[in-house]
Structure formats: structure tokens, C-alpha cells
PDB file of N, CA and C in Angstrom:
ATOM      1  N   MET A   1     103.843 155.654 -10.837  1.00  0.00           N
ATOM      2  CA  MET A   1     104.371 154.340 -10.518  1.00  0.00           C
ATOM      3  C   MET A   1     104.963 153.736 -11.789  1.00  0.00           C
ATOM      4  N   HIS A   2     106.283 153.846 -11.934  1.00  0.00           N
ATOM      5  CA  HIS A   2     106.889 153.293 -13.146  1.00  0.00           C
ATOM      6  C   HIS A   2     106.988 151.776 -13.106  1.00  0.00           C
ATOM      7  N   GLU A   3     106.754 151.166 -11.960  1.00  0.00           N
ATOM      8  CA  GLU A   3     106.764 149.707 -11.877  1.00  0.00           C
ATOM      9  C   GLU A   3     105.708 149.091 -12.787  1.00  0.00           C
ATOM     10  N   LEU A   4     104.558 149.749 -12.906  1.00  0.00           N
ATOM     11  CA  LEU A   4     103.500 149.226 -13.775  1.00  0.00           C
ATOM     12  C   LEU A   4     103.934 149.228 -15.235  1.00  0.00           C
ATOM     13  N   SER A   5     104.549 150.317 -15.688  1.00  0.00           N
ATOM     14  CA  SER A   5     104.988 150.364 -17.089  1.00  0.00           C
ATOM     15  C   SER A   5     106.127 149.371 -17.336  1.00  0.00           C
ATOM     16  N   LEU A   6     107.006 149.175 -16.353  1.00  0.00           N
ATOM     17  CA  LEU A   6     108.067 148.177 -16.498  1.00  0.00           C
ATOM     18  C   LEU A   6     107.473 146.766 -16.565  1.00  0.00           C
ATOM     19  N   ALA A   7     106.514 146.492 -15.703  1.00  0.00           N
ATOM     20  CA  ALA A   7     105.869 145.169 -15.703  1.00  0.00           C
ATOM     21  C   ALA A   7     105.138 144.927 -17.014  1.00  0.00           C
ATOM     22  N   ASP A   8     104.468 145.959 -17.529  1.00  0.00           N
ATOM     23  CA  ASP A   8     103.732 145.830 -18.785  1.00  0.00           C
ATOM     24  C   ASP A   8     104.676 145.524 -19.946  1.00  0.00           C
ATOM     25  N   GLY A   9     105.759 146.264 -20.049  1.00  0.00           N
ATOM     26  CA  GLY A   9     106.736 146.021 -21.118  1.00  0.00           C
ATOM     27  C   GLY A   9     107.365 144.644 -21.004  1.00  0.00           C
ATOM     28  N   MET A  10     107.676 144.245 -19.776  1.00  0.00           N
ATOM     29  CA  MET A  10     108.265 142.932 -19.543  1.00  0.00           C
ATOM     30  C   MET A  10     107.286 141.834 -19.952  1.00  0.00           C
ATOM     31  N   LEU A  11     106.020 141.982 -19.559  1.00  0.00           N
ATOM     32  CA  LEU A  11     105.018 140.969 -19.897  1.00  0.00           C
ATOM     33  C   LEU A  11     104.885 140.821 -21.410  1.00  0.00           C
ATOM     34  N   LYS A  12     104.805 141.925 -22.117  1.00  0.00           N
ATOM     35  CA  LYS A  12     104.681 141.865 -23.579  1.00  0.00           C
ATOM     36  C   LYS A  12     105.875 141.153 -24.196  1.00  0.00           C
ATOM     37  N   THR A  13     107.061 141.457 -23.706  1.00  0.00           N
ATOM     38  CA  THR A  13     108.277 140.855 -24.252  1.00  0.00           C
ATOM     39  C   THR A  13     108.335 139.355 -23.985  1.00  0.00           C
ATOM     40  N   VAL A  14     108.030 138.934 -22.753  1.00  0.00           N
ATOM     41  CA  VAL A  14     108.133 137.502 -22.449  1.00  0.00           C
ATOM     42  C   VAL A  14     107.021 136.702 -23.123  1.00  0.00           C
ATOM     43  N   LEU A  15     105.840 137.293 -23.264  1.00  0.00           N
ATOM     44  CA  LEU A  15     104.767 136.583 -23.973  1.00  0.00           C
ATOM     45  C   LEU A  15     105.123 136.377 -25.435  1.00  0.00           C
ATOM     46  N   GLU A  16     105.734 137.380 -26.042  1.00  0.00           N
ATOM     47  CA  GLU A  16     106.152 137.265 -27.439  1.00  0.00           C
ATOM     48  C   GLU A  16     107.230 136.196 -27.595  1.00  0.00           C
ATOM     49  N   ALA A  17     108.205 136.192 -26.695  1.00  0.00           N
ATOM     50  CA  ALA A  17     109.275 135.186 -26.748  1.00  0.00           C
ATOM     51  C   ALA A  17     108.719 133.787 -26.504  1.00  0.00           C
ATOM     52  N   ALA A  18     107.808 133.675 -25.547  1.00  0.00           N
ATOM     53  CA  ALA A  18     107.219 132.367 -25.233  1.00  0.00           C
ATOM     54  C   ALA A  18     106.393 131.833 -26.394  1.00  0.00           C
ATOM     55  N   LYS A  19     105.696 132.733 -27.077  1.00  0.00           N
ATOM     56  CA  LYS A  19     104.886 132.332 -28.231  1.00  0.00           C
ATOM     57  C   LYS A  19     105.769 131.728 -29.323  1.00  0.00           C
ATOM     58  N   LYS A  20     106.936 132.330 -29.548  1.00  0.00           N
ATOM     59  CA  LYS A  20     107.871 131.823 -30.562  1.00  0.00           C
ATOM     60  C   LYS A  20     108.371 130.419 -30.225  1.00  0.00           C
ATOM     61  N   GLU A  21     108.408 130.113 -28.930  1.00  0.00           N
ATOM     62  CA  GLU A  21     108.891 128.802 -28.483  1.00  0.00           C
ATOM     63  C   GLU A  21     107.751 127.817 -28.239  1.00  0.00           C
ATOM     64  N   ASN A  22     106.522 128.210 -28.594  1.00  0.00           N
ATOM     65  CA  ASN A  22     105.338 127.372 -28.366  1.00  0.00           C
ATOM     66  C   ASN A  22     105.199 126.959 -26.901  1.00  0.00           C
ATOM     67  N   ALA A  23     105.438 127.903 -26.010  1.00  0.00           N
ATOM     68  CA  ALA A  23     105.375 127.616 -24.576  1.00  0.00           C
ATOM     69  C   ALA A  23     103.938 127.444 -24.121  1.00  0.00           C
ATOM     70  N   LYS A  24     103.769 126.530 -23.207  1.00  0.00           N
ATOM     71  CA  LYS A  24     102.464 126.315 -22.591  1.00  0.00           C
ATOM     72  C   LYS A  24     102.335 127.188 -21.337  1.00  0.00           C
ATOM     73  N   LYS A  25     103.470 127.430 -20.681  1.00  0.00           N
ATOM     74  CA  LYS A  25     103.482 128.165 -19.416  1.00  0.00           C
ATOM     75  C   LYS A  25     104.844 128.823 -19.230  1.00  0.00           C
ATOM     76  N   ILE A  26     104.837 130.050 -18.689  1.00  0.00           N
ATOM     77  CA  ILE A  26     106.076 130.711 -18.273  1.00  0.00           C
ATOM     78  C   ILE A  26     106.206 130.490 -16.777  1.00  0.00           C
ATOM     79  N   LYS A  27     107.296 129.839 -16.366  1.00  0.00           N
ATOM     80  CA  LYS A  27     107.469 129.481 -14.959  1.00  0.00           C
ATOM     81  C   LYS A  27     108.234 130.550 -14.184  1.00  0.00           C
ATOM     82  N   SER A  28     109.275 131.123 -14.800  1.00  0.00           N
ATOM     83  CA  SER A  28     110.055 132.151 -14.104  1.00  0.00           C
ATOM     84  C   SER A  28     110.728 133.075 -15.120  1.00  0.00           C
ATOM     85  N   ILE A  29     111.074 134.254 -14.618  1.00  0.00           N
ATOM     86  CA  ILE A  29     111.727 135.272 -15.445  1.00  0.00           C
ATOM     87  C   ILE A  29     112.908 135.821 -14.646  1.00  0.00           C
ATOM     88  N   LYS A  30     114.101 135.749 -15.244  1.00  0.00           N
ATOM     89  CA  LYS A  30     115.290 136.312 -14.597  1.00  0.00           C
ATOM     90  C   LYS A  30     115.524 137.710 -15.148  1.00  0.00           C
ATOM     91  N   LEU A  31     115.630 138.670 -14.222  1.00  0.00           N
ATOM     92  CA  LEU A  31     115.824 140.070 -14.584  1.00  0.00           C
ATOM     93  C   LEU A  31     117.114 140.614 -13.992  1.00  0.00           C
ATOM     94  N   GLU A  32     117.706 141.581 -14.697  1.00  0.00           N
ATOM     95  CA  GLU A  32     118.792 142.393 -14.169  1.00  0.00           C
ATOM     96  C   GLU A  32     118.308 143.834 -14.195  1.00  0.00           C
ATOM     97  N   MET A  33     118.433 144.500 -13.046  1.00  0.00           N
ATOM     98  CA  MET A  33     117.987 145.897 -12.969  1.00  0.00           C
ATOM     99  C   MET A  33     119.065 146.745 -12.315  1.00  0.00           C
ATOM    100  N   GLY A  34     119.303 147.888 -12.914  1.00  0.00           N
ATOM    101  CA  GLY A  34     120.229 148.833 -12.321  1.00  0.00           C
ATOM    102  C   GLY A  34     119.612 149.516 -11.113  1.00  0.00           C
ATOM    103  N   GLU A  35     120.425 149.745 -10.088  1.00  0.00           N
ATOM    104  CA  GLU A  35     119.935 150.370  -8.863  1.00  0.00           C
ATOM    105  C   GLU A  35     119.422 151.794  -9.081  1.00  0.00           C
ATOM    106  N   ILE A  36     119.922 152.476 -10.108  1.00  0.00           N
ATOM    107  CA  ILE A  36     119.508 153.858 -10.359  1.00  0.00           C
ATOM    108  C   ILE A  36     118.029 153.934 -10.713  1.00  0.00           C
ATOM    109  N   LEU A  37     117.468 152.852 -11.236  1.00  0.00           N
ATOM    110  CA  LEU A  37     116.045 152.855 -11.582  1.00  0.00           C
ATOM    111  C   LEU A  37     115.153 153.024 -10.363  1.00  0.00           C
ATOM    112  N   LEU A  38     115.696 152.692  -9.183  1.00  0.00           N
ATOM    113  CA  LEU A  38     114.941 152.802  -7.932  1.00  0.00           C
ATOM    114  C   LEU A  38     113.603 152.059  -8.007  1.00  0.00           C
ATOM    115  N   VAL A  39     113.658 150.841  -8.526  1.00  0.00           N
ATOM    116  CA  VAL A  39     112.453 150.020  -8.662  1.00  0.00           C
ATOM    117  C   VAL A  39     112.145 149.353  -7.326  1.00  0.00           C
ATOM    118  N   ASN A  40     110.906 149.454  -6.914  1.00  0.00           N
ATOM    119  CA  ASN A  40     110.436 148.753  -5.736  1.00  0.00           C
ATOM    120  C   ASN A  40     110.032 147.353  -6.189  1.00  0.00           C
ATOM    121  N   THR A  41     110.782 146.353  -5.764  1.00  0.00           N
ATOM    122  CA  THR A  41     110.558 144.996  -6.263  1.00  0.00           C
ATOM    123  C   THR A  41     109.196 144.443  -5.838  1.00  0.00           C
ATOM    124  N   GLU A  42     108.725 144.831  -4.663  1.00  0.00           N
ATOM    125  CA  GLU A  42     107.405 144.370  -4.237  1.00  0.00           C
ATOM    126  C   GLU A  42     106.315 144.941  -5.140  1.00  0.00           C
ATOM    127  N   GLN A  43     106.434 146.212  -5.490  1.00  0.00           N
ATOM    128  CA  GLN A  43     105.450 146.822  -6.391  1.00  0.00           C
ATOM    129  C   GLN A  43     105.547 146.227  -7.785  1.00  0.00           C
ATOM    130  N   LEU A  44     106.772 146.006  -8.266  1.00  0.00           N
ATOM    131  CA  LEU A  44     106.952 145.405  -9.588  1.00  0.00           C
ATOM    132  C   LEU A  44     106.308 144.019  -9.630  1.00  0.00           C
ATOM    133  N   THR A  45     106.561 143.219  -8.616  1.00  0.00           N
ATOM    134  CA  THR A  45     105.994 141.870  -8.546  1.00  0.00           C
ATOM    135  C   THR A  45     104.470 141.931  -8.476  1.00  0.00           C
ATOM    136  N   PHE A  46     103.939 142.825  -7.657  1.00  0.00           N
ATOM    137  CA  PHE A  46     102.488 142.981  -7.545  1.00  0.00           C
ATOM    138  C   PHE A  46     101.878 143.362  -8.899  1.00  0.00           C
ATOM    139  N   CYS A  47     102.466 144.370  -9.551  1.00  0.00           N
ATOM    140  CA  CYS A  47     101.960 144.807 -10.859  1.00  0.00           C
ATOM    141  C   CYS A  47     102.009 143.675 -11.870  1.00  0.00           C
ATOM    142  N   PHE A  48     103.127 142.950 -11.898  1.00  0.00           N
ATOM    143  CA  PHE A  48     103.255 141.839 -12.830  1.00  0.00           C
ATOM    144  C   PHE A  48     102.206 140.763 -12.547  1.00  0.00           C
ATOM    145  N   ASP A  49     102.007 140.453 -11.269  1.00  0.00           N
ATOM    146  CA  ASP A  49     101.010 139.441 -10.906  1.00  0.00           C
ATOM    147  C   ASP A  49      99.610 139.843 -11.373  1.00  0.00           C
ATOM    148  N   VAL A  50      99.277 141.117 -11.219  1.00  0.00           N
ATOM    149  CA  VAL A  50      97.946 141.599 -11.603  1.00  0.00           C
ATOM    150  C   VAL A  50      97.756 141.562 -13.113  1.00  0.00           C
ATOM    151  N   ILE A  51      98.721 142.098 -13.871  1.00  0.00           N
ATOM    152  CA  ILE A  51      98.521 142.198 -15.320  1.00  0.00           C
ATOM    153  C   ILE A  51      98.753 140.882 -16.056  1.00  0.00           C
ATOM    154  N   SER A  52      99.400 139.914 -15.400  1.00  0.00           N
ATOM    155  CA  SER A  52      99.636 138.624 -16.074  1.00  0.00           C
ATOM    156  C   SER A  52      98.501 137.633 -15.849  1.00  0.00           C
ATOM    157  N   LYS A  53      97.534 137.989 -15.020  1.00  0.00           N
ATOM    158  CA  LYS A  53      96.400 137.082 -14.776  1.00  0.00           C
ATOM    159  C   LYS A  53      95.718 136.738 -16.098  1.00  0.00           C
ATOM    160  N   GLY A  54      95.429 135.455 -16.283  1.00  0.00           N
ATOM    161  CA  GLY A  54      94.761 134.996 -17.493  1.00  0.00           C
ATOM    162  C   GLY A  54      95.700 134.769 -18.674  1.00  0.00           C
ATOM    163  N   THR A  55      97.011 134.941 -18.457  1.00  0.00           N
ATOM    164  CA  THR A  55      97.986 134.684 -19.521  1.00  0.00           C
ATOM    165  C   THR A  55      98.835 133.480 -19.121  1.00  0.00           C
ATOM    166  N   ILE A  56      99.682 133.025 -20.029  1.00  0.00           N
ATOM    167  CA  ILE A  56     100.566 131.896 -19.692  1.00  0.00           C
ATOM    168  C   ILE A  56     101.663 132.310 -18.715  1.00  0.00           C
ATOM    169  N   ALA A  57     101.769 133.604 -18.425  1.00  0.00           N
ATOM    170  CA  ALA A  57     102.764 134.086 -17.458  1.00  0.00           C
ATOM    171  C   ALA A  57     102.187 134.180 -16.047  1.00  0.00           C
ATOM    172  N   GLU A  58     100.907 133.897 -15.896  1.00  0.00           N
ATOM    173  CA  GLU A  58     100.299 133.975 -14.570  1.00  0.00           C
ATOM    174  C   GLU A  58     101.024 133.043 -13.608  1.00  0.00           C
ATOM    175  N   GLY A  59     101.413 133.574 -12.471  1.00  0.00           N
ATOM    176  CA  GLY A  59     102.115 132.779 -11.460  1.00  0.00           C
ATOM    177  C   GLY A  59     103.615 132.670 -11.665  1.00  0.00           C
ATOM    178  N   ALA A  60     104.150 133.271 -12.725  1.00  0.00           N
ATOM    179  CA  ALA A  60     105.597 133.208 -12.971  1.00  0.00           C
ATOM    180  C   ALA A  60     106.351 133.924 -11.854  1.00  0.00           C
ATOM    181  N   LYS A  61     107.467 133.359 -11.459  1.00  0.00           N
ATOM    182  CA  LYS A  61     108.297 133.936 -10.403  1.00  0.00           C
ATOM    183  C   LYS A  61     109.314 134.892 -11.035  1.00  0.00           C
ATOM    184  N   LEU A  62     109.441 136.078 -10.459  1.00  0.00           N
ATOM    185  CA  LEU A  62     110.457 137.032 -10.910  1.00  0.00           C
ATOM    186  C   LEU A  62     111.711 136.849 -10.063  1.00  0.00           C
ATOM    187  N   GLU A  63     112.829 136.601 -10.728  1.00  0.00           N
ATOM    188  CA  GLU A  63     114.120 136.461 -10.047  1.00  0.00           C
ATOM    189  C   GLU A  63     114.950 137.683 -10.444  1.00  0.00           C
ATOM    190  N   ILE A  64     115.186 138.578  -9.479  1.00  0.00           N
ATOM    191  CA  ILE A  64     115.771 139.876  -9.776  1.00  0.00           C
ATOM    192  C   ILE A  64     117.176 140.000  -9.196  1.00  0.00           C
ATOM    193  N   THR A  65     118.117 140.409 -10.050  1.00  0.00           N
ATOM    194  CA  THR A  65     119.466 140.728  -9.639  1.00  0.00           C
ATOM    195  C   THR A  65     119.677 142.218  -9.872  1.00  0.00           C
ATOM    196  N   PHE A  66     120.188 142.914  -8.859  1.00  0.00           N
ATOM    197  CA  PHE A  66     120.442 144.347  -8.997  1.00  0.00           C
ATOM    198  C   PHE A  66     121.887 144.591  -9.414  1.00  0.00           C
ATOM    199  N   LEU A  67     122.062 145.540 -10.328  1.00  0.00           N
ATOM    200  CA  LEU A  67     123.381 145.902 -10.823  1.00  0.00           C
ATOM    201  C   LEU A  67     123.814 147.221 -10.197  1.00  0.00           C
ATOM    202  N   LYS A  68     125.036 147.229  -9.688  1.00  0.00           N
ATOM    203  CA  LYS A  68     125.593 148.425  -9.061  1.00  0.00           C
ATOM    204  C   LYS A  68     125.872 149.487 -10.128  1.00  0.00           C
ATOM    205  N   PRO A  69     125.555 150.725  -9.829  1.00  0.00           N
ATOM    206  CA  PRO A  69     125.832 151.795 -10.787  1.00  0.00           C
ATOM    207  C   PRO A  69     127.310 152.185 -10.795  1.00  0.00           C
ATOM    208  N   ARG A  70     127.800 152.534 -12.009  1.00  0.00           N
ATOM    209  CA  ARG A  70     129.180 152.987 -12.194  1.00  0.00           C
ATOM    210  C   ARG A  70     129.169 154.262 -13.016  1.00  0.00           C
ATOM    211  N   ALA A  71     130.204 155.053 -12.813  1.00  0.00           N
ATOM    212  CA  ALA A  71     130.349 156.311 -13.546  1.00  0.00           C
ATOM    213  C   ALA A  71     131.807 156.491 -13.923  1.00  0.00           C
ATOM    214  N   ILE A  72     132.043 157.442 -14.847  1.00  0.00           N
ATOM    215  CA  ILE A  72     133.395 157.817 -15.233  1.00  0.00           C
ATOM    216  C   ILE A  72     133.502 159.335 -15.151  1.00  0.00           C
ATOM    217  N   CYS A  73     134.633 159.785 -14.655  1.00  0.00           N
ATOM    218  CA  CYS A  73     134.874 161.220 -14.549  1.00  0.00           C
ATOM    219  C   CYS A  73     135.369 161.745 -15.892  1.00  0.00           C
ATOM    220  N   ASN A  74     134.712 162.762 -16.413  1.00  0.00           N
ATOM    221  CA  ASN A  74     135.126 163.352 -17.689  1.00  0.00           C
ATOM    222  C   ASN A  74     136.374 164.217 -17.543  1.00  0.00           C
ATOM    223  N   LYS A  75     136.762 164.543 -16.326  1.00  0.00           N
ATOM    224  CA  LYS A  75     137.950 165.366 -16.090  1.00  0.00           C
ATOM    225  C   LYS A  75     139.221 164.517 -15.982  1.00  0.00           C
ATOM    226  N   CYS A  76     139.191 163.510 -15.087  1.00  0.00           N
ATOM    227  CA  CYS A  76     140.408 162.720 -14.859  1.00  0.00           C
ATOM    228  C   CYS A  76     140.352 161.317 -15.456  1.00  0.00           C
ATOM    229  N   GLY A  77     139.171 160.877 -15.914  1.00  0.00           N
ATOM    230  CA  GLY A  77     139.035 159.572 -16.550  1.00  0.00           C
ATOM    231  C   GLY A  77     138.857 158.404 -15.613  1.00  0.00           C
ATOM    232  N   LYS A  78     138.772 158.649 -14.314  1.00  0.00           N
ATOM    233  CA  LYS A  78     138.630 157.563 -13.345  1.00  0.00           C
ATOM    234  C   LYS A  78     137.220 156.988 -13.394  1.00  0.00           C
ATOM    235  N   GLU A  79     137.129 155.647 -13.411  1.00  0.00           N
ATOM    236  CA  GLU A  79     135.842 154.959 -13.283  1.00  0.00           C
ATOM    237  C   GLU A  79     135.635 154.634 -11.817  1.00  0.00           C
ATOM    238  N   PHE A  80     134.386 154.773 -11.354  1.00  0.00           N
ATOM    239  CA  PHE A  80     134.105 154.502  -9.950  1.00  0.00           C
ATOM    240  C   PHE A  80     132.667 154.047  -9.757  1.00  0.00           C
ATOM    241  N   ASN A  81     132.442 153.356  -8.644  1.00  0.00           N
ATOM    242  CA  ASN A  81     131.093 152.929  -8.270  1.00  0.00           C
ATOM    243  C   ASN A  81     130.335 154.102  -7.695  1.00  0.00           C
ATOM    244  N   ILE A  82     129.049 154.137  -7.966  1.00  0.00           N
ATOM    245  CA  ILE A  82     128.182 155.135  -7.371  1.00  0.00           C
ATOM    246  C   ILE A  82     127.578 154.496  -6.132  1.00  0.00           C
ATOM    247  N   ASN A  83     127.735 155.135  -5.002  1.00  0.00           N
ATOM    248  CA  ASN A  83     127.205 154.623  -3.749  1.00  0.00           C
ATOM    249  C   ASN A  83     125.794 155.154  -3.572  1.00  0.00           C
ATOM    250  N   SER A  84     124.819 154.253  -3.586  1.00  0.00           N
ATOM    251  CA  SER A  84     123.425 154.678  -3.532  1.00  0.00           C
ATOM    252  C   SER A  84     123.089 155.456  -2.262  1.00  0.00           C
ATOM    253  N   GLU A  85     123.805 155.198  -1.179  1.00  0.00           N
ATOM    254  CA  GLU A  85     123.516 155.918   0.064  1.00  0.00           C
ATOM    255  C   GLU A  85     124.045 157.346   0.039  1.00  0.00           C
ATOM    256  N   ASN A  86     125.194 157.555  -0.595  1.00  0.00           N
ATOM    257  CA  ASN A  86     125.825 158.873  -0.567  1.00  0.00           C
ATOM    258  C   ASN A  86     125.616 159.706  -1.819  1.00  0.00           C
ATOM    259  N   ASP A  87     125.380 159.078  -2.958  1.00  0.00           N
ATOM    260  CA  ASP A  87     125.386 159.795  -4.233  1.00  0.00           C
ATOM    261  C   ASP A  87     124.022 160.089  -4.818  1.00  0.00           C
ATOM    262  N   PHE A  88     122.948 159.676  -4.173  1.00  0.00           N
ATOM    263  CA  PHE A  88     121.622 160.035  -4.660  1.00  0.00           C
ATOM    264  C   PHE A  88     121.174 161.289  -3.935  1.00  0.00           C
ATOM    265  N   PRO A  89     120.583 162.259  -4.547  1.00  0.00           N
ATOM    266  CA  PRO A  89     120.243 162.238  -5.967  1.00  0.00           C
ATOM    267  C   PRO A  89     121.493 162.320  -6.834  1.00  0.00           C
ATOM    268  N   LEU A  90     121.351 161.883  -8.079  1.00  0.00           N
ATOM    269  CA  LEU A  90     122.486 161.772  -8.987  1.00  0.00           C
ATOM    270  C   LEU A  90     123.168 163.109  -9.266  1.00  0.00           C
ATOM    271  N   LEU A  91     122.491 164.201  -9.022  1.00  0.00           N
ATOM    272  CA  LEU A  91     123.080 165.518  -9.275  1.00  0.00           C
ATOM    273  C   LEU A  91     124.271 165.795  -8.373  1.00  0.00           C
ATOM    274  N   HIS A  92     124.421 165.044  -7.293  1.00  0.00           N
ATOM    275  CA  HIS A  92     125.489 165.287  -6.337  1.00  0.00           C
ATOM    276  C   HIS A  92     126.675 164.339  -6.476  1.00  0.00           C
ATOM    277  N   ILE A  93     126.727 163.575  -7.551  1.00  0.00           N
ATOM    278  CA  ILE A  93     127.834 162.639  -7.745  1.00  0.00           C
ATOM    279  C   ILE A  93     129.094 163.431  -8.071  1.00  0.00           C
ATOM    280  N   SER A  94     130.175 163.070  -7.387  1.00  0.00           N
ATOM    281  CA  SER A  94     131.453 163.696  -7.718  1.00  0.00           C
ATOM    282  C   SER A  94     132.563 162.661  -7.601  1.00  0.00           C
ATOM    283  N   CYS A  95     133.606 162.895  -8.359  1.00  0.00           N
ATOM    284  CA  CYS A  95     134.780 162.028  -8.396  1.00  0.00           C
ATOM    285  C   CYS A  95     135.702 162.405  -7.228  1.00  0.00           C
ATOM    286  N   ASP A  96     136.659 161.519  -6.940  1.00  0.00           N
ATOM    287  CA  ASP A  96     137.651 161.807  -5.900  1.00  0.00           C
ATOM    288  C   ASP A  96     138.474 163.053  -6.230  1.00  0.00           C
ATOM    289  N   CYS A  97     138.562 163.402  -7.526  1.00  0.00           N
ATOM    290  CA  CYS A  97     139.339 164.581  -7.923  1.00  0.00           C
ATOM    291  C   CYS A  97     138.574 165.878  -7.649  1.00  0.00           C
ATOM    292  N   GLY A  98     137.293 165.742  -7.252  1.00  0.00           N
ATOM    293  CA  GLY A  98     136.472 166.902  -6.928  1.00  0.00           C
ATOM    294  C   GLY A  98     135.530 167.332  -8.038  1.00  0.00           C
ATOM    295  N   SER A  99     135.690 166.773  -9.223  1.00  0.00           N
ATOM    296  CA  SER A  99     134.836 167.145 -10.351  1.00  0.00           C
ATOM    297  C   SER A  99     133.486 166.439 -10.265  1.00  0.00           C
ATOM    298  N   ASN A 100     132.443 167.170 -10.649  1.00  0.00           N
ATOM    299  CA  ASN A 100     131.126 166.529 -10.746  1.00  0.00           C
ATOM    300  C   ASN A 100     130.710 166.390 -12.213  1.00  0.00           C
ATOM    301  N   ASP A 101     131.689 166.522 -13.128  1.00  0.00           N
ATOM    302  CA  ASP A 101     131.461 166.311 -14.559  1.00  0.00           C
ATOM    303  C   ASP A 101     131.655 164.819 -14.827  1.00  0.00           C
ATOM    304  N   VAL A 102     130.616 164.056 -14.546  1.00  0.00           N
ATOM    305  CA  VAL A 102     130.700 162.603 -14.658  1.00  0.00           C
ATOM    306  C   VAL A 102     129.641 162.074 -15.615  1.00  0.00           C
ATOM    307  N   LYS A 103     129.936 160.909 -16.166  1.00  0.00           N
ATOM    308  CA  LYS A 103     129.002 160.228 -17.068  1.00  0.00           C
ATOM    309  C   LYS A 103     128.625 158.899 -16.429  1.00  0.00           C
ATOM    310  N   ILE A 104     127.328 158.596 -16.387  1.00  0.00           N
ATOM    311  CA  ILE A 104     126.844 157.328 -15.855  1.00  0.00           C
ATOM    312  C   ILE A 104     127.130 156.235 -16.881  1.00  0.00           C
ATOM    313  N   LEU A 105     127.828 155.192 -16.464  1.00  0.00           N
ATOM    314  CA  LEU A 105     128.147 154.066 -17.349  1.00  0.00           C
ATOM    315  C   LEU A 105     127.142 152.924 -17.219  1.00  0.00           C
ATOM    316  N   SER A 106     126.683 152.691 -16.003  1.00  0.00           N
ATOM    317  CA  SER A 106     125.748 151.589 -15.780  1.00  0.00           C
ATOM    318  C   SER A 106     124.915 151.873 -14.538  1.00  0.00           C
ATOM    319  N   GLY A 107     123.854 151.097 -14.410  1.00  0.00           N
ATOM    320  CA  GLY A 107     122.974 151.246 -13.259  1.00  0.00           C
ATOM    321  C   GLY A 107     121.555 151.583 -13.640  1.00  0.00           C
ATOM    322  N   ARG A 108     121.319 151.767 -14.955  1.00  0.00           N
ATOM    323  CA  ARG A 108     119.967 152.088 -15.434  1.00  0.00           C
ATOM    324  C   ARG A 108     119.368 150.951 -16.256  1.00  0.00           C
ATOM    325  N   GLU A 109     120.003 149.802 -16.231  1.00  0.00           N
ATOM    326  CA  GLU A 109     119.573 148.674 -17.057  1.00  0.00           C
ATOM    327  C   GLU A 109     118.264 148.069 -16.546  1.00  0.00           C
ATOM    328  N   PHE A 110     117.528 147.508 -17.470  1.00  0.00           N
ATOM    329  CA  PHE A 110     116.375 146.659 -17.151  1.00  0.00           C
ATOM    330  C   PHE A 110     116.388 145.572 -18.209  1.00  0.00           C
ATOM    331  N   ASN A 111     117.048 144.465 -17.892  1.00  0.00           N
ATOM    332  CA  ASN A 111     117.263 143.391 -18.864  1.00  0.00           C
ATOM    333  C   ASN A 111     116.533 142.119 -18.458  1.00  0.00           C
ATOM    334  N   ILE A 112     115.852 141.538 -19.421  1.00  0.00           N
ATOM    335  CA  ILE A 112     115.296 140.205 -19.231  1.00  0.00           C
ATOM    336  C   ILE A 112     116.394 139.246 -19.668  1.00  0.00           C
ATOM    337  N   LYS A 113     116.983 138.543 -18.705  1.00  0.00           N
ATOM    338  CA  LYS A 113     118.101 137.658 -18.995  1.00  0.00           C
ATOM    339  C   LYS A 113     117.654 136.300 -19.526  1.00  0.00           C
ATOM    340  N   SER A 114     116.556 135.780 -18.970  1.00  0.00           N
ATOM    341  CA  SER A 114     116.055 134.489 -19.439  1.00  0.00           C
ATOM    342  C   SER A 114     114.639 134.270 -18.919  1.00  0.00           C
ATOM    343  N   ILE A 115     113.963 133.371 -19.602  1.00  0.00           N
ATOM    344  CA  ILE A 115     112.646 132.937 -19.112  1.00  0.00           C
ATOM    345  C   ILE A 115     112.648 131.416 -19.103  1.00  0.00           C
ATOM    346  N   LYS A 116     112.054 130.863 -18.082  1.00  0.00           N
ATOM    347  CA  LYS A 116     111.918 129.416 -17.965  1.00  0.00           C
ATOM    348  C   LYS A 116     110.494 129.077 -18.361  1.00  0.00           C
ATOM    349  N   ILE A 117     110.361 128.199 -19.352  1.00  0.00           N
ATOM    350  CA  ILE A 117     109.032 127.875 -19.871  1.00  0.00           C
ATOM    351  C   ILE A 117     108.752 126.381 -19.765  1.00  0.00           C
ATOM    352  N   GLU A 118     107.479 126.087 -19.877  1.00  0.00           N
ATOM    353  CA  GLU A 118     107.009 124.703 -19.995  1.00  0.00           C
ATOM    354  C   GLU A 118     106.518 124.582 -21.426  1.00  0.00           C
ATOM    355  N   GLU A 119     107.095 123.668 -22.168  1.00  0.00           N
ATOM    356  CA  GLU A 119     106.735 123.530 -23.582  1.00  0.00           C
ATOM    357  C   GLU A 119     105.523 122.611 -23.764  1.00  0.00           C
ATOM    358  N   ASN A 120     104.901 122.752 -24.926  1.00  0.00           N
ATOM    359  CA  ASN A 120     103.749 121.894 -25.260  1.00  0.00           C
ATOM    360  C   ASN A 120     104.170 120.453 -25.392  1.00  0.00           C
TER     361      ASN A 120
END
């Protein structure tokens, strides 16, 4: 379950940032996640809720935006969206030119965009 390790890393990062701002409470966290990560948002939220108990992040709301994956063909240079329904697993991605020599440009991100805090 990689959701637990993602939640753990996120918690450590937001607690460190909140400490620098002398936060009394973390109210919400805005995240951007690439669809290729295949993160189950319910599991991520559950894991975060469990591991944040007893911290200033307890009860914080996760606001998640998913980013569409993109790739570029190394043969013809065309950039294109990866369709999660047709192109997973990633080994089967191919360009309109027929080449499967592609490079993933985006879709694997896990970014903490902002945190909303309550200051002392």
C-alpha cells in the first residue's frame, strides 16, 4: 500500500512547514497528483487521518487535484495525452505514428501545493 508511505511523507513535510510558520493547526492541504501514480484517494485520506492523530494536522482536509499524464514520442516528436483507460499498463503506450518508443513527461507528480493553517 503505497498510500501509507505517501501520507507519511506528506505529513512530515506539512508538519515541518507548519512549524516554520508557528502554526497552531493545519486546516487543509492542497495536493496535485499524477494519474499514473494510481493513488486510491480514500486509502490516502484514511492513512493520513490515522497517522496525523495527535498532531496539529489531525482533522486536516485533503483537497486533491489529479493531473493528466502526457508523453512524447522519441521517433516523431509528437506530444500526446496518455489515456488511462486505453494505455495502462504503461508498457502498451504507443504514438499515432505506431512507435512505442515514448517518454513520460507528466503524470507521476505528487506535489503539496499549499497548506491552510491557523496561526498562534
